[in-house]
Amino acid sequence: MRAKKFLKVVYVCFFILCGGLYTYSNSGLHEVWAIKNCKIYTLNGAPIEKGTIVIRKGLIEAVGTDIKIPPDAEIIDASNLIAYPGLIDGLGKSFLKLPKKKIDMQRLASGEFTDEDRGITPGREAFELVEFSKATLDKFHRYGFTTVQIIPERGILTGQASIFNLIGNEKNKALLLKDTLLGIGFSPGMFGVYPSSLMGVVAFLRQTFSDVIYYNMHFNRWKKEMNGLIRPVYNLNFEILDDFITGKKPVVFFCRNQHDIKRALKLSKEFNLNYFICDLGSEAFRVIPELKKARARLFLTVEFKVPSTSIYARKGKSIKEKAEKEIYPKNPAKIAEAGIPFAFSSLGTNSPEKMIEGIRKAIENGLSKEDVLKALTIVPSSFMGLSKALGTIEPGKIANLILMEGEIFSKDAKVRYVFVDGKKFEIKKKEVKKGKEAKVNVTGKWGFEVQTEMGTMTFTVEFKQEESSLSGKLISQFGTFEFSDGTVSGNEISFDVTIFFGGQEMELAFSGVVEEDTMTGTVVQGSMGSAEFTAKRIPEGGER
């Protein structure tokens, strides 16, 4: 009985801290919106001045200048805003939580290698491994992204991609298409595990593709005739690969330099693959004739780091840095000039902020904003087979769009609203008070205690501070919850954390004062009032 009473107190405390999560519901969110008086870049015609967009139940219902606003619509006056289709990250690994690799040296020494050791994981599915945190979703929304294609990148046969709308933490609701691409890399696995060399990887891929074709022919013949034929031995990897090698579902080659691109083109031609090339090394401009002849489709990354195989990597630091500043950022402009279709990928940059920074570098180096916008909307939706649903602002399409102050990709442009599947997200800007720059740095772990009517709740917060900006995660026995867009002003901090429990969500707003290694303040629990907290810095390597 005492144990049951103790557990009851613990849960009651948590519910008080969370503000009564079970009473909070999304069922009251608006389903009909009218965005009026805005400039609209539909991308399927000329821009519309002072137009109206009507959204109903997640779809665009009407777009134009003489649109009657439905009586049941919630109205947004967007007089000073510009509407664009939601941006699409054509290929990335954000939100992906890969299993940690445990190396058993005794097992490896005995030669007992697994497919995981060798980087052969075609059955790995992004859908099973994604985790959508509110903090990361907020970051993508802040830069106008509404859709992502996520893929495991590690290994040789790396796994399968899935496409998601960035609507929330429930991946079943967010999913658009599952198992869309198979990733293929040329990087060898760990030392001593075949294939452990580039030559071995290419030989392995060629042999595997041939084996899959034979396996398909053998199995199909056996299913058709059976009598007198020995049935093939079942092979799970071959079954998965069959869809991509003989069934012609698309693959994507991860190419870290111009030589990888040539290898990918050769393999694709030899096995008649339906393929894309992800140009991780930004060297596609060096093989433009080959790409044009093959009618290749590219995902371009914007990290613009010189590959280790480049001549610029061997001429000293200053030459390398000069190439990264003056040569490699021209890669997208040269690909666009050549007429080769491409979409942008966040691989390499691995964050929406750095991806947009890289795209701005490409614009500074000759890429037009029109080509950039297409590479983030129309082209990736076409690559994904989703042109009828995404990429432009048209009636009948999914209501993924952004409303901005200023022209997109200009440094002073700000996203004000994001619509994903017709759900509105407002981008709030937290201003640091004038003359109140940060005077403290709270980076690190802090042990928090919140005083509630039922007792004390404890948890840990890991802060990351960059000047006056604050992000991090709240770690409790009920889960880990990330946050961003916090601020430090003088010795005062504030941050909001959205927690999820029982399928519901609740926002907690923290504000406090820092004195050396101690923090005191208040946490506001939605409409359920507030509670006082104290926190102490946990020394590096220490425990609560």
Protein backbone atom coordinates (compact mmCIF):
# COMPACT_ATOMS: atom_id res chain seq x y z
CA MET A 1 0.00 0.00 0.00
CA ARG A 2 2.85 2.40 0.87
CA ALA A 3 4.49 1.73 -2.51
CA LYS A 4 1.23 2.47 -4.36
CA LYS A 5 0.76 5.68 -2.35
CA PHE A 6 4.32 6.78 -3.18
CA LEU A 7 3.83 6.17 -6.92
CA LYS A 8 0.56 8.07 -6.81
CA VAL A 9 2.30 11.09 -5.26
CA VAL A 10 5.04 10.97 -7.92
CA TYR A 11 2.53 10.96 -10.78
CA VAL A 12 0.38 13.67 -9.21
CA CYS A 13 3.49 15.86 -8.89
CA PHE A 14 4.31 15.31 -12.54
CA PHE A 15 0.77 16.16 -13.61
CA ILE A 16 0.88 19.36 -11.59
CA LEU A 17 4.22 20.30 -13.18
CA CYS A 18 2.84 19.52 -16.62
CA GLY A 19 -0.30 21.50 -16.05
CA GLY A 20 -2.81 18.68 -16.41
CA LEU A 21 -1.77 17.27 -19.75
CA TYR A 22 -4.80 15.09 -20.23
CA THR A 23 -7.08 18.13 -20.32
CA TYR A 24 -5.13 19.65 -23.21
CA SER A 25 -6.29 18.74 -26.71
CA ASN A 26 -5.52 19.63 -30.30
CA SER A 27 -9.11 19.02 -31.33
CA GLY A 28 -9.91 22.74 -31.26
CA LEU A 29 -7.32 23.76 -33.82
CA HIS A 30 -8.73 25.62 -36.81
CA GLU A 31 -9.22 23.72 -40.05
CA VAL A 32 -10.12 26.67 -42.30
CA TRP A 33 -7.81 29.62 -42.95
CA ALA A 34 -7.88 32.63 -45.26
CA ILE A 35 -4.58 34.41 -45.85
CA LYS A 36 -5.37 37.72 -47.52
CA ASN A 37 -3.59 40.73 -49.04
CA CYS A 38 -0.25 38.96 -49.53
CA LYS A 39 2.08 38.64 -52.47
CA ILE A 40 2.02 35.00 -53.59
CA TYR A 41 4.76 33.12 -55.42
CA THR A 42 2.74 30.15 -56.60
CA LEU A 43 5.63 28.85 -58.78
CA ASN A 44 3.14 27.75 -61.44
CA GLY A 45 2.71 31.20 -62.95
CA ALA A 46 3.46 34.87 -62.37
CA PRO A 47 3.48 36.16 -58.78
CA ILE A 48 0.07 37.32 -57.52
CA GLU A 49 -0.08 40.78 -55.94
CA LYS A 50 -2.44 41.18 -52.98
CA GLY A 51 -3.87 37.69 -53.35
CA THR A 52 -5.77 35.34 -51.07
CA ILE A 53 -5.10 31.72 -50.14
CA VAL A 54 -7.86 29.61 -48.63
CA ILE A 55 -6.92 26.46 -46.73
CA ARG A 56 -9.43 23.82 -45.68
CA LYS A 57 -8.72 20.55 -43.84
CA GLY A 58 -5.04 20.52 -44.74
CA LEU A 59 -5.45 21.30 -48.45
CA ILE A 60 -5.29 24.49 -50.49
CA GLU A 61 -8.86 25.24 -51.53
CA ALA A 62 -8.41 28.43 -53.54
CA VAL A 63 -5.69 30.86 -54.66
CA GLY A 64 -6.12 34.19 -56.48
CA THR A 65 -7.10 37.84 -56.33
CA ASP A 66 -10.90 37.58 -56.37
CA ILE A 67 -11.36 34.82 -53.83
CA LYS A 68 -14.41 34.90 -51.59
CA ILE A 69 -13.38 34.32 -47.99
CA PRO A 70 -15.46 31.53 -46.40
CA PRO A 71 -17.50 32.63 -43.37
CA ASP A 72 -15.95 29.89 -41.23
CA ALA A 73 -12.35 30.87 -42.01
CA GLU A 74 -9.81 32.22 -39.55
CA ILE A 75 -8.28 35.25 -41.27
CA ILE A 76 -4.63 36.27 -41.40
CA ASP A 77 -4.02 39.74 -42.79
CA ALA A 78 -0.70 39.28 -44.58
CA SER A 79 -0.45 42.78 -46.07
CA ASN A 80 3.30 43.00 -45.42
CA LEU A 81 4.10 39.35 -46.04
CA ILE A 82 5.08 37.18 -49.00
CA ALA A 83 3.79 33.62 -49.46
CA TYR A 84 5.98 30.83 -50.85
CA PRO A 85 5.54 27.07 -51.08
CA GLY A 86 7.05 25.28 -48.09
CA LEU A 87 10.72 24.42 -48.58
CA ILE A 88 11.79 20.79 -49.02
CA ASP A 89 15.03 19.26 -47.77
CA GLY A 90 15.60 16.81 -50.61
CA LEU A 91 17.83 14.46 -48.62
CA GLY A 92 19.02 14.66 -45.03
CA LYS A 93 19.55 12.79 -41.80
CA SER A 94 18.19 15.26 -39.25
CA PHE A 95 15.73 13.61 -36.83
CA LEU A 96 17.44 10.25 -37.44
CA LYS A 97 18.51 8.35 -34.30
CA LEU A 98 20.77 5.52 -35.43
CA PRO A 99 21.56 2.70 -32.99
CA LYS A 100 24.90 3.09 -31.29
CA LYS A 101 27.56 0.74 -32.63
CA LYS A 102 29.06 -1.55 -30.01
CA ILE A 103 32.42 -2.96 -31.02
CA ASP A 104 33.23 -6.35 -29.57
CA MET A 105 36.95 -6.70 -30.31
CA GLN A 106 37.02 -10.34 -29.23
CA ARG A 107 34.26 -11.19 -31.69
CA LEU A 108 35.93 -9.22 -34.48
CA ALA A 109 39.27 -10.89 -33.76
CA SER A 110 37.61 -14.26 -34.31
CA GLY A 111 36.38 -13.16 -37.74
CA GLU A 112 32.69 -13.26 -36.78
CA PHE A 113 31.66 -10.21 -38.79
CA THR A 114 28.04 -9.10 -39.06
CA ASP A 115 26.33 -7.18 -41.86
CA GLU A 116 26.32 -4.21 -39.48
CA ASP A 117 30.12 -4.45 -39.18
CA ARG A 118 30.42 -4.48 -42.96
CA GLY A 119 27.99 -1.60 -43.52
CA ILE A 120 25.46 -3.85 -45.27
CA THR A 121 22.11 -2.66 -43.86
CA PRO A 122 19.62 -2.36 -46.75
CA GLY A 123 16.80 -3.28 -44.39
CA ARG A 124 17.44 -0.27 -42.15
CA GLU A 125 14.43 2.04 -42.48
CA ALA A 126 14.46 5.74 -41.70
CA PHE A 127 10.78 5.47 -40.72
CA GLU A 128 11.66 3.21 -37.78
CA LEU A 129 14.50 5.43 -36.56
CA VAL A 130 13.19 9.01 -36.73
CA GLU A 131 12.33 11.02 -33.63
CA PHE A 132 10.69 14.42 -34.06
CA SER A 133 11.50 16.78 -31.20
CA LYS A 134 9.77 20.13 -30.96
CA ALA A 135 13.08 21.98 -30.70
CA THR A 136 14.37 20.58 -34.00
CA LEU A 137 11.00 21.02 -35.70
CA ASP A 138 11.04 24.68 -34.59
CA LYS A 139 14.49 25.14 -36.15
CA PHE A 140 13.32 23.78 -39.50
CA HIS A 141 10.14 25.89 -39.40
CA ARG A 142 12.17 29.01 -38.60
CA TYR A 143 13.98 28.59 -41.92
CA GLY A 144 10.86 27.73 -43.91
CA PHE A 145 11.19 23.94 -44.20
CA THR A 146 7.98 21.94 -44.20
CA THR A 147 9.06 18.60 -45.74
CA VAL A 148 12.15 16.40 -45.43
CA GLN A 149 13.38 13.18 -46.98
CA ILE A 150 15.39 11.35 -44.34
CA ILE A 151 17.88 8.59 -45.09
CA PRO A 152 20.53 6.61 -43.19
CA GLU A 153 23.89 7.60 -44.69
CA ARG A 154 26.28 5.26 -42.86
CA GLY A 155 27.72 2.23 -44.61
CA ILE A 156 27.73 0.72 -48.11
CA LEU A 157 24.10 -0.36 -48.47
CA THR A 158 22.98 2.25 -45.99
CA GLY A 159 19.21 1.81 -45.72
CA GLN A 160 15.95 3.22 -46.98
CA ALA A 161 14.62 6.77 -46.93
CA SER A 162 11.20 8.08 -45.96
CA ILE A 163 9.54 11.44 -46.60
CA PHE A 164 7.82 13.39 -43.83
CA ASN A 165 5.85 16.58 -43.39
CA LEU A 166 7.17 18.48 -40.36
CA ILE A 167 3.84 18.67 -38.54
CA GLY A 168 4.63 17.21 -35.12
CA ASN A 169 6.16 14.40 -33.11
CA GLU A 170 3.84 11.62 -34.34
CA LYS A 171 5.65 10.06 -37.28
CA ASN A 172 2.58 8.16 -38.52
CA LYS A 173 0.81 11.49 -39.09
CA ALA A 174 3.94 13.09 -40.51
CA LEU A 175 4.72 10.33 -43.04
CA LEU A 176 4.19 11.06 -46.73
CA LEU A 177 6.00 8.15 -48.39
CA LYS A 178 7.90 5.23 -46.88
CA ASP A 179 11.00 3.41 -48.21
CA THR A 180 11.50 5.79 -51.13
CA LEU A 181 15.24 5.48 -51.82
CA LEU A 182 18.02 3.01 -51.08
CA GLY A 183 21.32 4.59 -50.09
CA ILE A 184 24.57 3.32 -51.60
CA GLY A 185 27.97 4.49 -50.38
CA PHE A 186 31.54 3.91 -51.52
CA SER A 187 33.20 4.29 -48.11
CA PRO A 188 34.74 1.02 -46.86
CA GLY A 189 33.77 -0.45 -43.50
CA MET A 190 36.06 -0.96 -40.53
CA PHE A 191 39.61 -2.17 -41.06
CA GLY A 192 39.93 -5.90 -41.62
CA VAL A 193 36.26 -6.40 -42.50
CA TYR A 194 35.49 -7.10 -46.16
CA PRO A 195 34.98 -4.91 -48.08
CA SER A 196 37.62 -2.75 -46.39
CA SER A 197 38.95 -0.94 -49.49
CA LEU A 198 37.41 1.17 -52.23
CA MET A 199 38.22 -1.53 -54.79
CA GLY A 200 36.55 -4.07 -52.52
CA VAL A 201 33.42 -1.93 -52.17
CA VAL A 202 33.00 -1.57 -55.94
CA ALA A 203 33.59 -5.31 -56.44
CA PHE A 204 31.11 -6.10 -53.66
CA LEU A 205 28.42 -3.88 -55.15
CA ARG A 206 28.86 -5.31 -58.64
CA GLN A 207 28.74 -8.90 -57.34
CA THR A 208 25.74 -8.18 -55.09
CA PHE A 209 23.75 -6.56 -57.88
CA SER A 210 24.48 -9.53 -60.15
CA ASP A 211 23.50 -11.98 -57.39
CA VAL A 212 20.20 -10.14 -56.83
CA ILE A 213 19.35 -10.35 -60.54
CA TYR A 214 20.11 -14.08 -60.57
CA TYR A 215 18.18 -14.59 -57.31
CA ASN A 216 15.17 -12.82 -58.83
CA MET A 217 15.27 -14.93 -62.00
CA HIS A 218 15.75 -18.18 -60.05
CA PHE A 219 12.94 -17.44 -57.57
CA ASN A 220 10.49 -16.34 -60.24
CA ARG A 221 11.18 -19.43 -62.31
CA TRP A 222 10.75 -21.70 -59.27
CA LYS A 223 7.44 -20.04 -58.32
CA LYS A 224 6.22 -20.55 -61.87
CA GLU A 225 7.37 -24.14 -62.50
CA MET A 226 8.39 -25.68 -59.12
CA ASN A 227 8.42 -29.29 -60.28
CA GLY A 228 11.93 -30.52 -60.90
CA LEU A 229 13.59 -27.31 -59.73
CA ILE A 230 15.58 -26.76 -56.54
CA ARG A 231 14.13 -23.77 -54.76
CA PRO A 232 16.56 -20.90 -53.99
CA VAL A 233 17.72 -20.30 -50.42
CA TYR A 234 15.87 -17.34 -48.95
CA ASN A 235 18.04 -14.22 -48.56
CA LEU A 236 16.48 -11.24 -46.77
CA ASN A 237 18.97 -8.70 -48.14
CA PHE A 238 18.38 -9.93 -51.70
CA GLU A 239 14.61 -9.71 -51.16
CA ILE A 240 14.96 -6.07 -50.11
CA LEU A 241 17.45 -5.20 -52.86
CA ASP A 242 15.29 -6.87 -55.50
CA ASP A 243 12.86 -3.91 -55.44
CA PHE A 244 15.71 -1.50 -56.20
CA ILE A 245 17.93 -3.53 -58.54
CA THR A 246 15.33 -5.34 -60.66
CA GLY A 247 12.13 -3.58 -59.57
CA LYS A 248 13.62 -0.21 -60.46
CA LYS A 249 12.78 1.64 -57.28
CA PRO A 250 15.34 4.48 -57.09
CA VAL A 251 18.70 4.36 -55.38
CA VAL A 252 20.93 7.26 -54.38
CA PHE A 253 24.73 7.11 -54.53
CA PHE A 254 26.61 9.05 -51.86
CA CYS A 255 29.56 10.50 -53.78
CA ARG A 256 32.34 12.23 -51.88
CA ASN A 257 34.32 13.35 -54.94
CA GLN A 258 34.26 13.39 -58.73
CA HIS A 259 35.65 9.84 -58.90
CA ASP A 260 32.72 8.48 -56.87
CA ILE A 261 30.36 10.19 -59.31
CA LYS A 262 32.03 8.42 -62.24
CA ARG A 263 31.78 5.10 -60.39
CA ALA A 264 28.08 5.70 -59.73
CA LEU A 265 27.39 6.53 -63.38
CA LYS A 266 29.22 3.40 -64.52
CA LEU A 267 27.37 1.09 -62.11
CA SER A 268 24.02 2.68 -62.94
CA LYS A 269 24.56 2.15 -66.66
CA GLU A 270 25.82 -1.42 -66.22
CA PHE A 271 22.78 -2.49 -64.15
CA ASN A 272 20.25 -0.07 -65.67
CA LEU A 273 19.46 1.46 -62.29
CA ASN A 274 16.93 4.16 -61.50
CA TYR A 275 19.33 6.42 -59.65
CA PHE A 276 20.16 9.77 -58.10
CA ILE A 277 23.58 11.14 -57.16
CA CYS A 278 24.16 12.97 -53.90
CA ASP A 279 27.16 15.23 -54.50
CA LEU A 280 28.67 15.31 -51.01
CA GLY A 281 32.00 16.63 -52.31
CA SER A 282 30.59 19.50 -54.44
CA GLU A 283 32.62 18.23 -57.44
CA ALA A 284 29.78 17.60 -59.89
CA PHE A 285 30.99 20.62 -61.87
CA ARG A 286 34.12 18.63 -62.79
CA VAL A 287 32.11 15.92 -64.59
CA ILE A 288 29.34 17.95 -66.24
CA PRO A 289 29.69 16.30 -69.69
CA GLU A 290 29.33 12.83 -68.16
CA LEU A 291 26.35 13.90 -66.06
CA LYS A 292 24.59 15.49 -69.04
CA LYS A 293 25.17 12.44 -71.21
CA ALA A 294 23.73 10.17 -68.50
CA ARG A 295 20.80 12.54 -67.85
CA ALA A 296 21.64 12.34 -64.17
CA ARG A 297 19.58 13.83 -61.36
CA LEU A 298 21.48 15.37 -58.45
CA PHE A 299 21.12 16.23 -54.81
CA LEU A 300 23.57 19.05 -54.16
CA THR A 301 25.03 19.71 -50.73
CA VAL A 302 26.28 23.12 -49.65
CA GLU A 303 29.04 22.46 -47.14
CA PHE A 304 31.65 23.27 -49.83
CA LYS A 305 34.55 21.45 -48.14
CA VAL A 306 37.42 20.38 -50.38
CA PRO A 307 37.47 16.56 -50.68
CA SER A 308 40.65 14.83 -49.49
CA THR A 309 41.18 13.55 -53.07
CA SER A 310 41.25 17.07 -54.54
CA ILE A 311 44.50 18.67 -55.64
CA TYR A 312 43.58 21.67 -53.46
CA ALA A 313 43.71 19.48 -50.34
CA ARG A 314 47.39 18.78 -50.96
CA LYS A 315 48.62 22.32 -51.59
CA GLY A 316 48.48 23.69 -48.08
CA LYS A 317 45.89 25.27 -45.82
CA SER A 318 45.71 28.66 -47.55
CA ILE A 319 45.12 27.13 -51.02
CA LYS A 320 42.52 24.76 -49.60
CA GLU A 321 40.64 27.58 -47.87
CA LYS A 322 40.79 29.72 -51.01
CA ALA A 323 39.24 26.88 -53.04
CA GLU A 324 36.49 26.44 -50.44
CA LYS A 325 35.72 30.13 -50.68
CA GLU A 326 36.07 30.77 -54.41
CA ILE A 327 35.75 27.49 -56.35
CA TYR A 328 33.45 24.98 -54.67
CA PRO A 329 30.56 27.40 -53.89
CA LYS A 330 30.24 27.85 -57.68
CA ASN A 331 29.27 24.19 -58.08
CA PRO A 332 25.45 24.78 -57.94
CA ALA A 333 25.59 27.69 -60.42
CA LYS A 334 27.58 25.61 -62.91
CA ILE A 335 25.17 22.68 -62.58
CA ALA A 336 22.20 25.02 -63.12
CA GLU A 337 23.89 26.60 -66.15
CA ALA A 338 24.40 23.12 -67.61
CA GLY A 339 20.68 22.39 -67.27
CA ILE A 340 21.17 19.37 -65.00
CA PRO A 341 18.19 18.93 -62.64
CA PHE A 342 19.09 19.21 -58.96
CA ALA A 343 17.55 19.56 -55.53
CA PHE A 344 19.29 20.68 -52.36
CA SER A 345 20.31 18.32 -49.55
CA SER A 346 21.17 19.17 -45.95
CA LEU A 347 23.71 16.33 -45.73
CA GLY A 348 27.08 17.74 -44.70
CA THR A 349 25.58 20.84 -43.13
CA ASN A 350 23.05 18.79 -41.11
CA SER A 351 21.08 21.80 -39.91
CA PRO A 352 18.59 24.13 -41.61
CA GLU A 353 20.54 27.23 -40.55
CA LYS A 354 23.83 26.04 -42.04
CA MET A 355 22.03 24.76 -45.12
CA ILE A 356 20.53 28.21 -45.79
CA GLU A 357 23.93 29.81 -45.12
CA GLY A 358 25.46 27.52 -47.75
CA ILE A 359 22.69 28.31 -50.22
CA ARG A 360 23.34 32.04 -49.74
CA LYS A 361 27.01 31.38 -50.57
CA ALA A 362 25.86 29.66 -53.76
CA ILE A 363 23.75 32.73 -54.63
CA GLU A 364 26.75 34.99 -54.02
CA ASN A 365 28.67 32.76 -56.43
CA GLY A 366 26.28 33.05 -59.36
CA LEU A 367 23.24 30.84 -58.63
CA SER A 368 19.96 32.66 -59.28
CA LYS A 369 17.32 32.89 -56.55
CA GLU A 370 14.81 31.45 -59.04
CA ASP A 371 16.92 28.30 -59.43
CA VAL A 372 17.38 28.08 -55.66
CA LEU A 373 13.63 28.27 -55.05
CA LYS A 374 12.95 25.58 -57.64
CA ALA A 375 15.66 23.37 -56.10
CA LEU A 376 13.85 23.60 -52.75
CA THR A 377 10.29 23.13 -54.02
CA ILE A 378 9.39 22.02 -57.55
CA VAL A 379 12.43 19.84 -58.26
CA PRO A 380 12.53 17.82 -55.01
CA SER A 381 8.76 17.25 -55.16
CA SER A 382 9.29 15.88 -58.69
CA PHE A 383 12.21 13.70 -57.58
CA MET A 384 10.02 12.31 -54.77
CA GLY A 385 7.05 11.59 -57.03
CA LEU A 386 4.99 14.15 -55.13
CA SER A 387 4.49 16.85 -57.78
CA LYS A 388 0.71 16.50 -57.52
CA ALA A 389 0.85 17.19 -53.78
CA LEU A 390 3.78 19.55 -53.11
CA GLY A 391 6.07 22.15 -54.66
CA THR A 392 3.63 24.89 -55.72
CA ILE A 393 0.71 26.81 -54.27
CA GLU A 394 -2.29 25.42 -56.19
CA PRO A 395 -5.82 24.29 -55.32
CA GLY A 396 -5.92 20.66 -54.26
CA LYS A 397 -2.31 20.48 -53.07
CA ILE A 398 -1.21 19.95 -49.48
CA ALA A 399 -1.23 23.25 -47.61
CA ASN A 400 2.51 23.51 -47.00
CA LEU A 401 3.52 27.14 -47.28
CA ILE A 402 5.45 29.91 -45.56
CA LEU A 403 4.71 33.59 -44.98
CA MET A 404 7.77 35.82 -44.84
CA GLU A 405 8.82 39.34 -44.11
CA GLY A 406 11.12 40.22 -47.01
CA GLU A 407 12.21 38.34 -50.10
CA ILE A 408 13.23 34.76 -49.49
CA PHE A 409 16.99 34.07 -49.07
CA SER A 410 17.81 37.71 -48.34
CA LYS A 411 19.71 38.07 -45.06
CA ASP A 412 17.04 40.23 -43.44
CA ALA A 413 14.14 37.93 -44.44
CA LYS A 414 12.18 36.41 -41.56
CA VAL A 415 9.64 33.59 -41.58
CA ARG A 416 6.52 34.74 -39.72
CA TYR A 417 4.15 31.80 -40.24
CA VAL A 418 4.53 28.23 -41.45
CA PHE A 419 1.66 26.02 -42.55
CA VAL A 420 2.22 22.26 -42.63
CA ASP A 421 -0.69 20.06 -43.69
CA GLY A 422 -2.82 23.15 -43.07
CA LYS A 423 -1.67 23.48 -39.45
CA LYS A 424 -0.42 26.94 -38.56
CA PHE A 425 2.84 27.54 -36.70
CA GLU A 426 3.71 31.10 -35.71
CA ILE A 427 7.41 31.90 -35.53
CA LYS A 428 7.95 34.04 -32.47
CA LYS A 429 11.02 36.15 -32.19
CA LYS A 430 12.45 36.62 -28.73
CA GLU A 431 14.14 39.96 -28.38
CA VAL A 432 16.98 40.53 -25.97
CA LYS A 433 16.40 43.82 -24.15
CA LYS A 434 18.52 46.65 -25.53
CA GLY A 435 21.68 47.09 -23.56
CA LYS A 436 21.16 43.73 -21.84
CA GLU A 437 23.69 41.47 -23.51
CA ALA A 438 24.51 38.22 -21.71
CA LYS A 439 26.67 38.64 -18.61
CA VAL A 440 26.62 34.97 -17.62
CA ASN A 441 27.20 31.69 -19.43
CA VAL A 442 25.05 28.75 -18.32
CA THR A 443 26.42 26.16 -20.77
CA GLY A 444 26.52 22.77 -19.09
CA LYS A 445 24.34 20.62 -16.83
CA TRP A 446 22.12 22.03 -14.08
CA GLY A 447 20.14 20.16 -11.46
CA PHE A 448 16.63 21.63 -11.09
CA GLU A 449 14.18 21.38 -8.19
CA VAL A 450 10.61 22.60 -8.67
CA GLN A 451 8.47 23.16 -5.59
CA THR A 452 4.86 22.03 -6.08
CA GLU A 453 1.95 21.71 -3.68
CA MET A 454 2.58 17.96 -3.55
CA GLY A 455 6.33 18.11 -3.03
CA THR A 456 9.57 18.60 -4.96
CA MET A 457 10.18 17.50 -8.55
CA THR A 458 13.80 17.06 -9.71
CA PHE A 459 15.29 16.87 -13.18
CA THR A 460 18.36 17.91 -15.16
CA VAL A 461 18.68 20.58 -17.85
CA GLU A 462 21.62 20.64 -20.27
CA PHE A 463 22.15 24.17 -21.62
CA LYS A 464 24.07 25.29 -24.69
CA GLN A 465 24.61 29.05 -24.83
CA GLU A 466 25.88 31.00 -27.83
CA GLU A 467 26.14 34.69 -26.91
CA SER A 468 22.54 35.54 -25.94
CA SER A 469 20.92 32.47 -27.52
CA LEU A 470 20.02 29.45 -25.41
CA SER A 471 19.10 25.88 -26.36
CA GLY A 472 19.32 22.47 -24.73
CA LYS A 473 17.26 19.64 -23.29
CA LEU A 474 15.32 18.81 -20.14
CA ILE A 475 16.04 15.30 -18.89
CA SER A 476 13.61 13.64 -16.48
CA GLN A 477 12.43 10.16 -15.55
CA PHE A 478 9.54 10.74 -17.93
CA GLY A 479 11.68 11.46 -20.97
CA THR A 480 14.05 13.94 -22.63
CA PHE A 481 12.60 17.11 -24.16
CA GLU A 482 14.65 19.47 -26.34
CA PHE A 483 14.19 23.24 -26.57
CA SER A 484 15.62 26.17 -28.52
CA ASP A 485 15.14 29.93 -28.86
CA GLY A 486 15.82 30.64 -25.20
CA THR A 487 17.57 33.89 -24.28
CA VAL A 488 20.13 35.21 -21.81
CA SER A 489 19.81 38.91 -20.99
CA GLY A 490 22.23 40.24 -18.42
CA ASN A 491 22.06 37.59 -15.71
CA GLU A 492 18.45 36.65 -16.53
CA ILE A 493 17.48 33.59 -18.57
CA SER A 494 14.23 32.40 -20.15
CA PHE A 495 13.36 29.29 -22.15
CA ASP A 496 10.27 27.29 -23.08
CA VAL A 497 10.07 23.50 -23.12
CA THR A 498 7.26 21.53 -24.71
CA ILE A 499 6.82 18.15 -23.05
CA PHE A 500 4.89 15.19 -24.41
CA PHE A 501 3.07 12.72 -22.21
CA GLY A 502 0.19 10.37 -22.93
CA GLY A 503 -0.02 11.57 -26.52
CA GLN A 504 -0.57 15.19 -25.44
CA GLU A 505 1.71 18.20 -25.16
CA MET A 506 2.18 21.10 -22.76
CA GLU A 507 4.49 24.10 -22.78
CA LEU A 508 6.47 25.05 -19.69
CA ALA A 509 7.91 28.58 -19.61
CA PHE A 510 10.98 29.03 -17.39
CA SER A 511 12.42 32.38 -16.33
CA GLY A 512 15.11 32.93 -13.73
CA VAL A 513 18.12 34.80 -12.40
CA VAL A 514 21.65 33.39 -12.38
CA GLU A 515 24.11 34.10 -9.58
CA GLU A 516 27.40 32.29 -10.20
CA ASP A 517 26.49 28.54 -10.05
CA THR A 518 22.96 29.01 -8.70
CA MET A 519 19.72 29.81 -10.48
CA THR A 520 16.30 30.74 -9.07
CA GLY A 521 13.06 31.52 -10.81
CA THR A 522 9.59 30.53 -11.89
CA VAL A 523 8.10 27.98 -14.27
CA VAL A 524 4.68 28.82 -15.73
CA GLN A 525 2.62 25.70 -16.43
CA GLY A 526 0.19 26.76 -19.14
CA SER A 527 -3.13 27.81 -17.65
CA MET A 528 -2.43 25.93 -14.42
CA GLY A 529 -0.39 28.64 -12.71
CA SER A 530 3.27 28.72 -11.74
CA ALA A 531 5.78 27.13 -9.41
CA GLU A 532 9.14 28.22 -7.99
CA PHE A 533 12.39 26.51 -8.92
CA THR A 534 16.01 26.49 -7.85
CA ALA A 535 18.92 25.05 -9.84
CA LYS A 536 22.59 24.39 -9.28
CA ARG A 537 25.34 23.85 -11.83
CA ILE A 538 26.57 20.26 -11.95
CA PRO A 539 30.39 20.11 -12.22
CA GLU A 540 31.71 18.49 -15.39
CA GLY A 541 31.80 14.75 -14.84
CA GLY A 542 29.70 15.09 -11.69
CA GLU A 543 26.27 13.73 -10.83
CA ARG A 544 23.18 15.20 -9.27
